[in-house]
Structures are given as C-alpha cells and as structure tokens.
N, C-alpha and C. Protein backbone atom coordinates (compact mmCIF):
# COMPACT_ATOMS: atom_id res chain seq x y z
N UNK A 1 -45.40 -127.74 50.84
CA UNK A 1 -46.51 -128.62 50.71
C UNK A 1 -46.08 -129.85 50.76
N UNK A 2 -46.94 -130.92 51.42
CA UNK A 2 -46.52 -132.27 51.57
C UNK A 2 -46.98 -133.07 50.33
N UNK A 3 -46.27 -134.11 49.83
CA UNK A 3 -46.73 -135.08 49.01
C UNK A 3 -47.73 -135.81 49.48
N UNK A 4 -48.84 -135.91 48.89
CA UNK A 4 -49.90 -136.67 49.30
C UNK A 4 -49.91 -138.02 48.55
N UNK A 5 -50.15 -139.11 49.33
CA UNK A 5 -50.37 -140.48 48.52
C UNK A 5 -51.85 -140.63 48.40
N UNK A 6 -52.26 -141.20 47.12
CA UNK A 6 -53.48 -141.36 46.88
C UNK A 6 -54.09 -142.46 47.83
N UNK A 7 -55.28 -142.48 48.16
CA UNK A 7 -56.01 -143.42 48.95
C UNK A 7 -55.90 -144.78 48.33
N UNK A 8 -55.96 -144.87 47.04
CA UNK A 8 -55.80 -146.16 46.33
C UNK A 8 -54.51 -146.66 46.48
N UNK A 9 -53.38 -145.89 46.27
CA UNK A 9 -52.12 -146.40 46.28
C UNK A 9 -51.89 -146.97 47.79
N UNK A 10 -52.25 -146.10 48.80
CA UNK A 10 -52.05 -146.65 50.28
C UNK A 10 -52.76 -147.84 50.37
N UNK A 11 -53.99 -148.10 50.00
CA UNK A 11 -54.78 -149.20 50.23
C UNK A 11 -54.13 -150.46 49.60
N UNK A 12 -53.51 -150.37 48.23
CA UNK A 12 -52.86 -151.24 47.56
C UNK A 12 -51.62 -151.65 48.24
N UNK A 13 -51.04 -150.75 48.83
CA UNK A 13 -49.75 -150.97 49.55
C UNK A 13 -50.07 -151.82 50.90
N UNK A 14 -51.16 -151.45 51.61
CA UNK A 14 -51.48 -152.09 52.72
C UNK A 14 -51.79 -153.68 52.35
N UNK A 15 -52.59 -153.76 51.31
CA UNK A 15 -53.21 -155.04 50.89
C UNK A 15 -51.97 -156.05 50.62
N UNK A 16 -50.98 -155.36 49.79
CA UNK A 16 -49.69 -156.06 49.53
C UNK A 16 -48.80 -156.49 50.75
N UNK A 17 -48.79 -155.64 51.70
CA UNK A 17 -48.11 -155.97 52.83
C UNK A 17 -48.88 -157.02 53.70
N UNK A 18 -50.05 -156.92 53.86
CA UNK A 18 -50.84 -158.02 54.55
C UNK A 18 -50.68 -159.26 53.79
N UNK A 19 -50.89 -159.24 52.44
CA UNK A 19 -50.73 -160.51 51.65
C UNK A 19 -49.36 -161.10 51.94
N UNK A 20 -48.22 -160.31 51.75
CA UNK A 20 -46.94 -160.61 51.80
C UNK A 20 -46.72 -161.46 53.13
N UNK A 21 -47.15 -160.75 54.26
CA UNK A 21 -47.04 -161.27 55.49
C UNK A 21 -47.75 -162.65 55.70
N UNK A 22 -48.89 -162.74 55.30
CA UNK A 22 -49.56 -163.96 55.41
C UNK A 22 -48.97 -165.06 54.54
N UNK A 23 -48.40 -164.70 53.45
CA UNK A 23 -47.78 -165.77 52.55
C UNK A 23 -46.51 -166.24 53.26
N UNK A 24 -45.81 -165.41 53.96
CA UNK A 24 -44.64 -165.70 54.63
C UNK A 24 -44.79 -166.49 55.88
N UNK A 25 -45.95 -166.42 56.52
CA UNK A 25 -46.28 -167.11 57.74
C UNK A 25 -46.07 -168.58 57.59
N UNK A 26 -46.51 -169.18 56.43
CA UNK A 26 -46.17 -170.65 56.11
C UNK A 26 -44.68 -170.98 55.98
N UNK A 27 -43.83 -170.04 55.35
CA UNK A 27 -42.45 -170.13 55.25
C UNK A 27 -41.86 -170.26 56.66
N UNK A 28 -42.20 -169.21 57.60
CA UNK A 28 -41.72 -169.14 58.90
C UNK A 28 -42.16 -170.34 59.72
N UNK A 29 -43.48 -170.74 59.62
CA UNK A 29 -44.02 -171.88 60.35
C UNK A 29 -43.14 -173.09 59.99
N UNK A 30 -43.11 -173.40 58.70
CA UNK A 30 -42.20 -174.57 58.38
C UNK A 30 -40.78 -174.52 58.87
N UNK A 31 -40.15 -173.38 58.80
CA UNK A 31 -38.76 -173.22 59.23
C UNK A 31 -38.64 -173.51 60.77
N UNK A 32 -39.57 -172.94 61.60
CA UNK A 32 -39.33 -172.99 62.94
C UNK A 32 -39.80 -174.45 63.43
N UNK A 33 -40.77 -175.03 62.60
CA UNK A 33 -41.28 -176.42 62.93
C UNK A 33 -39.89 -177.41 62.81
N UNK A 34 -39.16 -177.12 61.77
CA UNK A 34 -38.25 -178.10 61.56
C UNK A 34 -37.05 -177.76 62.66
N UNK A 35 -36.74 -176.42 62.91
CA UNK A 35 -35.86 -176.22 63.98
C UNK A 35 -36.18 -176.62 65.30
N UNK A 36 -37.72 -176.88 65.56
CA UNK A 36 -38.13 -177.35 66.85
C UNK A 36 -38.29 -176.54 67.94
N UNK A 37 -38.45 -175.18 67.60
CA UNK A 37 -38.75 -174.13 68.57
C UNK A 37 -39.62 -173.03 67.95
N UNK A 38 -40.25 -172.22 68.81
CA UNK A 38 -41.15 -171.24 68.29
C UNK A 38 -40.30 -169.87 68.15
N UNK A 39 -40.72 -169.08 67.18
CA UNK A 39 -40.09 -167.67 66.84
C UNK A 39 -40.45 -166.78 68.13
N UNK A 40 -39.16 -165.99 68.49
CA UNK A 40 -39.59 -164.96 69.35
C UNK A 40 -38.42 -163.93 69.09
N UNK A 41 -38.52 -162.76 69.53
CA UNK A 41 -37.44 -161.73 69.29
C UNK A 41 -36.41 -161.67 70.31
N UNK A 42 -36.34 -162.84 71.25
CA UNK A 42 -35.21 -162.78 72.29
C UNK A 42 -33.88 -162.73 71.76
N UNK A 43 -32.97 -162.47 72.61
CA UNK A 43 -31.47 -162.37 72.20
C UNK A 43 -30.77 -163.66 72.55
N UNK A 44 -31.62 -164.79 72.85
CA UNK A 44 -31.02 -166.17 73.13
C UNK A 44 -30.36 -166.56 71.93
N UNK A 45 -29.18 -167.16 71.89
CA UNK A 45 -28.29 -167.48 70.68
C UNK A 45 -29.09 -168.18 69.59
N UNK A 46 -29.85 -169.13 69.89
CA UNK A 46 -30.52 -169.99 68.83
C UNK A 46 -31.47 -169.22 68.11
N UNK A 47 -32.16 -168.15 68.86
CA UNK A 47 -33.23 -167.44 68.17
C UNK A 47 -32.42 -166.40 67.21
N UNK A 48 -31.43 -165.89 67.70
CA UNK A 48 -30.67 -164.95 66.97
C UNK A 48 -30.12 -165.60 65.64
N UNK A 49 -29.62 -166.78 65.94
CA UNK A 49 -29.01 -167.63 64.70
C UNK A 49 -30.10 -167.95 63.74
N UNK A 50 -31.26 -168.35 64.34
CA UNK A 50 -32.37 -168.64 63.44
C UNK A 50 -32.69 -167.42 62.60
N UNK A 51 -32.98 -166.36 63.28
CA UNK A 51 -33.49 -165.16 62.38
C UNK A 51 -32.39 -164.77 61.36
N UNK A 52 -31.14 -164.77 61.80
CA UNK A 52 -29.97 -164.37 61.00
C UNK A 52 -29.93 -165.24 59.72
N UNK A 53 -30.10 -166.61 59.93
CA UNK A 53 -30.12 -167.58 58.64
C UNK A 53 -31.22 -167.22 57.76
N UNK A 54 -32.50 -167.15 58.34
CA UNK A 54 -33.58 -167.08 57.44
C UNK A 54 -33.56 -165.63 56.65
N UNK A 55 -33.07 -164.63 57.41
CA UNK A 55 -32.98 -163.18 56.93
C UNK A 55 -31.96 -163.23 55.76
N UNK A 56 -30.95 -163.84 55.93
CA UNK A 56 -29.79 -163.89 54.91
C UNK A 56 -30.35 -164.58 53.65
N UNK A 57 -31.08 -165.69 53.88
CA UNK A 57 -31.56 -166.50 52.54
C UNK A 57 -32.70 -165.66 52.06
N UNK A 58 -33.62 -165.13 52.84
CA UNK A 58 -34.89 -164.55 52.14
C UNK A 58 -34.48 -163.31 51.45
N UNK A 59 -33.32 -162.60 51.88
CA UNK A 59 -32.86 -161.31 51.22
C UNK A 59 -32.39 -161.68 49.89
N UNK A 60 -31.83 -162.73 49.65
CA UNK A 60 -31.37 -163.11 48.33
C UNK A 60 -32.35 -163.06 47.25
N UNK A 61 -33.74 -163.47 47.72
CA UNK A 61 -34.77 -163.36 46.71
C UNK A 61 -35.64 -162.14 46.87
N UNK A 62 -35.79 -161.53 47.97
CA UNK A 62 -36.81 -160.45 47.90
C UNK A 62 -36.23 -159.06 48.38
N UNK A 63 -34.85 -159.18 48.68
CA UNK A 63 -34.17 -158.01 49.13
C UNK A 63 -34.29 -157.57 50.55
N UNK A 64 -33.47 -156.70 51.12
CA UNK A 64 -33.38 -156.45 52.52
C UNK A 64 -34.59 -155.77 52.98
N UNK A 65 -35.15 -154.84 52.28
CA UNK A 65 -36.50 -154.03 52.78
C UNK A 65 -37.57 -155.10 52.99
N UNK A 66 -37.90 -155.88 51.94
CA UNK A 66 -38.96 -156.69 52.10
C UNK A 66 -38.75 -157.88 53.09
N UNK A 67 -37.57 -158.22 53.27
CA UNK A 67 -37.27 -159.24 54.28
C UNK A 67 -37.53 -158.67 55.72
N UNK A 68 -37.07 -157.40 55.73
CA UNK A 68 -37.19 -156.79 57.07
C UNK A 68 -38.57 -156.61 57.42
N UNK A 69 -39.53 -156.27 56.41
CA UNK A 69 -40.91 -156.06 56.73
C UNK A 69 -41.54 -157.55 57.16
N UNK A 70 -41.06 -158.45 56.40
CA UNK A 70 -41.84 -159.84 56.74
C UNK A 70 -41.26 -160.22 58.08
N UNK A 71 -40.09 -159.82 58.50
CA UNK A 71 -39.57 -160.32 59.76
C UNK A 71 -39.91 -159.30 60.85
N UNK A 72 -40.68 -158.26 60.54
CA UNK A 72 -41.05 -157.05 61.52
C UNK A 72 -39.69 -156.61 62.13
N UNK A 73 -38.85 -156.33 61.34
CA UNK A 73 -37.45 -155.81 61.67
C UNK A 73 -37.12 -154.67 61.02
N UNK A 74 -35.92 -154.20 60.87
CA UNK A 74 -35.53 -153.06 59.92
C UNK A 74 -34.41 -153.56 58.95
N UNK A 75 -34.15 -152.86 57.83
CA UNK A 75 -33.38 -153.43 56.88
C UNK A 75 -31.94 -153.32 57.29
N UNK A 76 -31.54 -152.51 58.40
CA UNK A 76 -30.02 -152.57 58.82
C UNK A 76 -29.88 -153.85 59.36
N UNK A 77 -30.70 -154.43 60.09
CA UNK A 77 -30.53 -155.72 60.85
C UNK A 77 -30.40 -156.84 59.68
N UNK A 78 -31.04 -156.82 58.61
CA UNK A 78 -30.91 -157.77 57.56
C UNK A 78 -29.53 -157.53 56.90
N UNK A 79 -29.18 -156.36 56.68
CA UNK A 79 -27.80 -156.10 56.11
C UNK A 79 -26.67 -156.40 56.91
N UNK A 80 -27.00 -156.27 58.24
CA UNK A 80 -25.93 -156.64 59.18
C UNK A 80 -25.69 -158.14 59.17
N UNK A 81 -26.85 -158.88 59.14
CA UNK A 81 -26.68 -160.40 59.28
C UNK A 81 -26.11 -160.86 57.84
N UNK A 82 -26.39 -160.22 56.78
CA UNK A 82 -25.89 -160.70 55.54
C UNK A 82 -24.33 -160.33 55.46
N UNK A 83 -23.94 -159.23 56.10
CA UNK A 83 -22.51 -158.98 56.06
C UNK A 83 -21.65 -159.86 56.97
N UNK A 84 -22.26 -160.52 57.97
CA UNK A 84 -21.64 -161.27 59.05
C UNK A 84 -21.70 -162.90 58.57
N UNK A 85 -22.44 -163.07 57.51
CA UNK A 85 -22.95 -164.43 57.10
C UNK A 85 -21.67 -165.41 56.99
N UNK A 86 -20.63 -164.98 56.22
CA UNK A 86 -19.51 -165.91 56.07
C UNK A 86 -18.72 -166.23 57.36
N UNK A 87 -18.66 -165.25 58.12
CA UNK A 87 -17.99 -165.49 59.44
C UNK A 87 -18.94 -166.40 60.32
N UNK A 88 -20.31 -166.11 60.34
CA UNK A 88 -21.18 -166.85 60.99
C UNK A 88 -21.07 -168.39 60.72
N UNK A 89 -20.89 -168.51 59.44
CA UNK A 89 -20.88 -170.02 59.02
C UNK A 89 -19.65 -170.71 59.42
N UNK A 90 -18.53 -170.04 59.47
CA UNK A 90 -17.25 -170.44 60.03
C UNK A 90 -17.20 -170.65 61.58
N UNK A 91 -17.59 -169.62 62.28
CA UNK A 91 -17.37 -169.61 63.71
C UNK A 91 -18.40 -169.69 64.70
N UNK A 92 -19.74 -169.46 64.21
CA UNK A 92 -20.86 -169.47 65.07
C UNK A 92 -21.46 -170.88 65.17
N UNK A 93 -21.14 -171.75 66.25
CA UNK A 93 -21.63 -173.15 66.28
C UNK A 93 -23.13 -173.16 66.35
N UNK A 94 -23.57 -173.90 65.23
CA UNK A 94 -25.03 -174.23 65.14
C UNK A 94 -25.67 -173.34 64.01
N UNK A 95 -25.03 -172.37 63.49
CA UNK A 95 -25.46 -171.38 62.59
C UNK A 95 -25.61 -172.10 61.22
N UNK A 96 -24.46 -172.84 60.79
CA UNK A 96 -24.42 -173.47 59.40
C UNK A 96 -25.59 -174.42 59.34
N UNK A 97 -26.15 -175.31 60.40
CA UNK A 97 -27.21 -176.14 60.29
C UNK A 97 -28.47 -175.33 59.93
N UNK A 98 -28.65 -174.27 60.66
CA UNK A 98 -29.88 -173.48 60.63
C UNK A 98 -29.91 -172.74 59.25
N UNK A 99 -28.78 -172.33 58.82
CA UNK A 99 -28.71 -171.73 57.40
C UNK A 99 -28.96 -172.80 56.28
N UNK A 100 -28.41 -173.91 56.48
CA UNK A 100 -28.83 -175.11 55.44
C UNK A 100 -30.32 -175.25 55.44
N UNK A 101 -30.99 -175.25 56.59
CA UNK A 101 -32.42 -175.50 56.53
C UNK A 101 -33.15 -174.20 55.99
N UNK A 102 -32.69 -173.05 56.29
CA UNK A 102 -33.27 -171.80 55.70
C UNK A 102 -32.99 -171.80 54.21
N UNK A 103 -31.83 -172.20 53.77
CA UNK A 103 -31.52 -172.26 52.28
C UNK A 103 -32.57 -173.26 51.56
N UNK A 104 -32.81 -174.25 52.11
CA UNK A 104 -33.54 -175.32 51.38
C UNK A 104 -34.94 -174.92 51.21
N UNK A 105 -35.54 -174.30 52.53
CA UNK A 105 -36.93 -173.91 52.52
C UNK A 105 -37.06 -172.70 51.63
N UNK A 106 -36.20 -171.73 51.69
CA UNK A 106 -36.36 -170.63 50.76
C UNK A 106 -36.27 -170.93 49.26
N UNK A 107 -35.36 -171.82 49.02
CA UNK A 107 -35.18 -172.06 47.62
C UNK A 107 -36.53 -172.86 47.02
N UNK A 108 -36.98 -173.71 47.76
CA UNK A 108 -38.30 -174.36 47.38
C UNK A 108 -39.42 -173.37 47.38
N UNK A 109 -39.67 -172.60 48.41
CA UNK A 109 -40.61 -171.57 48.51
C UNK A 109 -40.61 -170.55 47.38
N UNK A 110 -39.56 -170.06 47.25
CA UNK A 110 -39.34 -168.92 46.22
C UNK A 110 -39.35 -169.43 44.81
N UNK A 111 -38.88 -170.69 44.56
CA UNK A 111 -39.01 -171.37 43.16
C UNK A 111 -40.51 -171.52 42.87
N UNK A 112 -41.24 -171.98 43.85
CA UNK A 112 -42.65 -172.10 43.56
C UNK A 112 -43.39 -170.74 43.32
N UNK A 113 -42.89 -169.69 44.03
CA UNK A 113 -43.48 -168.26 43.76
C UNK A 113 -43.05 -167.93 42.28
N UNK A 114 -41.87 -168.17 42.05
CA UNK A 114 -41.36 -167.59 40.63
C UNK A 114 -42.20 -168.38 39.57
N UNK A 115 -42.49 -169.75 39.74
CA UNK A 115 -43.17 -170.45 38.78
C UNK A 115 -44.63 -169.94 38.60
N UNK A 116 -45.26 -169.69 39.84
CA UNK A 116 -46.63 -169.07 39.79
C UNK A 116 -46.67 -167.72 39.13
N UNK A 117 -45.66 -166.96 39.43
CA UNK A 117 -45.53 -165.58 38.85
C UNK A 117 -45.47 -165.70 37.30
N UNK A 118 -44.68 -166.60 36.84
CA UNK A 118 -44.46 -166.88 35.38
C UNK A 118 -45.80 -167.22 34.85
N UNK A 119 -46.40 -168.20 35.42
CA UNK A 119 -47.71 -168.75 34.96
C UNK A 119 -48.72 -167.49 34.83
N UNK A 120 -48.72 -166.56 35.76
CA UNK A 120 -49.69 -165.39 35.79
C UNK A 120 -49.30 -164.57 34.67
N UNK A 121 -47.95 -164.31 34.38
CA UNK A 121 -47.58 -163.51 33.22
C UNK A 121 -47.90 -163.93 32.00
N UNK A 122 -47.79 -165.39 31.80
CA UNK A 122 -48.10 -166.12 30.55
C UNK A 122 -49.68 -165.86 30.39
N UNK A 123 -50.44 -166.16 31.49
CA UNK A 123 -51.82 -165.96 31.32
C UNK A 123 -52.27 -164.64 30.78
N UNK A 124 -51.66 -163.67 31.24
CA UNK A 124 -51.95 -162.20 30.95
C UNK A 124 -51.65 -162.06 29.32
N UNK A 125 -50.45 -162.59 29.05
CA UNK A 125 -50.03 -162.45 27.63
C UNK A 125 -51.03 -163.13 26.72
N UNK A 126 -51.55 -164.30 27.15
CA UNK A 126 -52.52 -165.22 26.47
C UNK A 126 -53.78 -164.25 26.09
N UNK A 127 -54.27 -163.65 27.28
CA UNK A 127 -55.41 -162.94 27.18
C UNK A 127 -55.36 -161.77 26.16
N UNK A 128 -54.01 -161.11 26.24
CA UNK A 128 -53.96 -159.95 25.38
C UNK A 128 -53.87 -160.51 23.98
N UNK A 129 -53.17 -161.53 23.65
CA UNK A 129 -53.25 -162.14 22.29
C UNK A 129 -54.60 -162.52 21.73
N UNK A 130 -55.36 -163.15 22.78
CA UNK A 130 -56.65 -163.46 22.37
C UNK A 130 -57.60 -162.39 22.03
N UNK A 131 -57.43 -161.29 22.84
CA UNK A 131 -58.05 -160.07 22.50
C UNK A 131 -57.72 -159.52 21.22
N UNK A 132 -56.46 -159.47 20.91
CA UNK A 132 -55.89 -159.02 19.69
C UNK A 132 -56.38 -159.73 18.40
N UNK A 133 -56.54 -161.18 18.74
CA UNK A 133 -56.94 -162.09 17.69
C UNK A 133 -58.60 -161.71 17.49
N UNK A 134 -59.17 -161.53 18.54
CA UNK A 134 -60.68 -161.25 18.24
C UNK A 134 -60.84 -159.91 17.54
N UNK A 135 -60.15 -158.92 17.92
CA UNK A 135 -60.18 -157.69 17.21
C UNK A 135 -59.78 -157.65 15.80
N UNK A 136 -58.72 -158.48 15.38
CA UNK A 136 -58.36 -158.56 14.08
C UNK A 136 -59.38 -159.52 13.28
N UNK A 137 -59.99 -160.48 13.84
CA UNK A 137 -61.06 -161.26 13.14
C UNK A 137 -62.39 -160.25 12.92
N UNK A 138 -62.68 -159.58 14.00
CA UNK A 138 -63.94 -158.65 13.58
C UNK A 138 -63.59 -157.67 12.67
N UNK A 139 -62.34 -157.17 12.53
CA UNK A 139 -61.88 -156.18 11.53
C UNK A 139 -61.99 -156.74 10.21
N UNK A 140 -61.49 -158.07 9.99
CA UNK A 140 -61.46 -158.79 8.94
C UNK A 140 -62.88 -159.08 8.38
N UNK A 141 -63.77 -159.47 9.29
CA UNK A 141 -65.22 -159.72 9.01
C UNK A 141 -66.01 -158.51 8.54
N UNK A 142 -65.57 -157.38 9.17
CA UNK A 142 -66.24 -156.29 8.85
C UNK A 142 -65.83 -155.75 7.54
N UNK A 143 -64.78 -155.99 6.89
CA UNK A 143 -64.26 -155.56 5.72
C UNK A 143 -64.72 -156.31 4.59
N UNK A 144 -65.22 -157.57 4.87
CA UNK A 144 -65.70 -158.47 3.83
C UNK A 144 -67.21 -158.22 3.42
C-alpha cells in the first residue's frame, strides 16, 4: 500500500515552493543585474561560474536541496559546486569576483530574512503571553 500525502500537506508544500521561488526571484534579479547579464542554463563559462557562485553561497543559508529547487537544478549539482569552491576561487578566472558579489547579496538577503523570522517568532510569543495573561486575569476575577 502506498503512503498517501494529505491534500492539505501537498497544498502547503506547493504554496511554500511557489513563495520560496518568488522570494528568490528578487535575489537572482539583483545578482544578475550586478553581473550585467541574464540568467540562462547554458554551459558558457560566465553562466556556469555565476550559477556555481550563487549556489555555493545560498547553500550555506538554506542547504543544498532548497538551493537546488530555487535554481531549478538538482542537489548533486549544488554539492558539486560546493566541493569545487576552493579550487574555483584559486584557478577559475572570474569566479572569485562573481563569488564576492554572490556572498554580499546572500549575506544581506538572508540576514534580512533571519531578522524578519525572528520578529515573527517574537510576535507569536507575545500573542501567547497576552492570551495567558488574559486567561489568568479572567481566572483571578472569577475567584473574587
């Protein structure tokens, strides 16, 4: 018998995937605008270098699988570029510049995301504490 995924879970996963891709569009747009060319999946050196640099940096923040999904690639490609990163910095002319740009953009983008996530977490905690306070006040008032 097959394991069935609930429709709600599948819908949530799809929404998360769509949201994630739309969020990363701004990151990719900024990156490729700075580089001065458009993204494509060709095997031209500058395209491969650009993809390798951004994949390497993004994977530090969101992991290989999520990076692969965002880049419409597979995780093995991300892992390959991560593995070759140090050699690419030394020997692949032009890669270091693209990596510096990717590193800067990712650090800014993901630090903003981290701050927004922390704010959301704090807001949830505040809401729970306010609910607890209200409950305790009502309990106190009912005993008086």
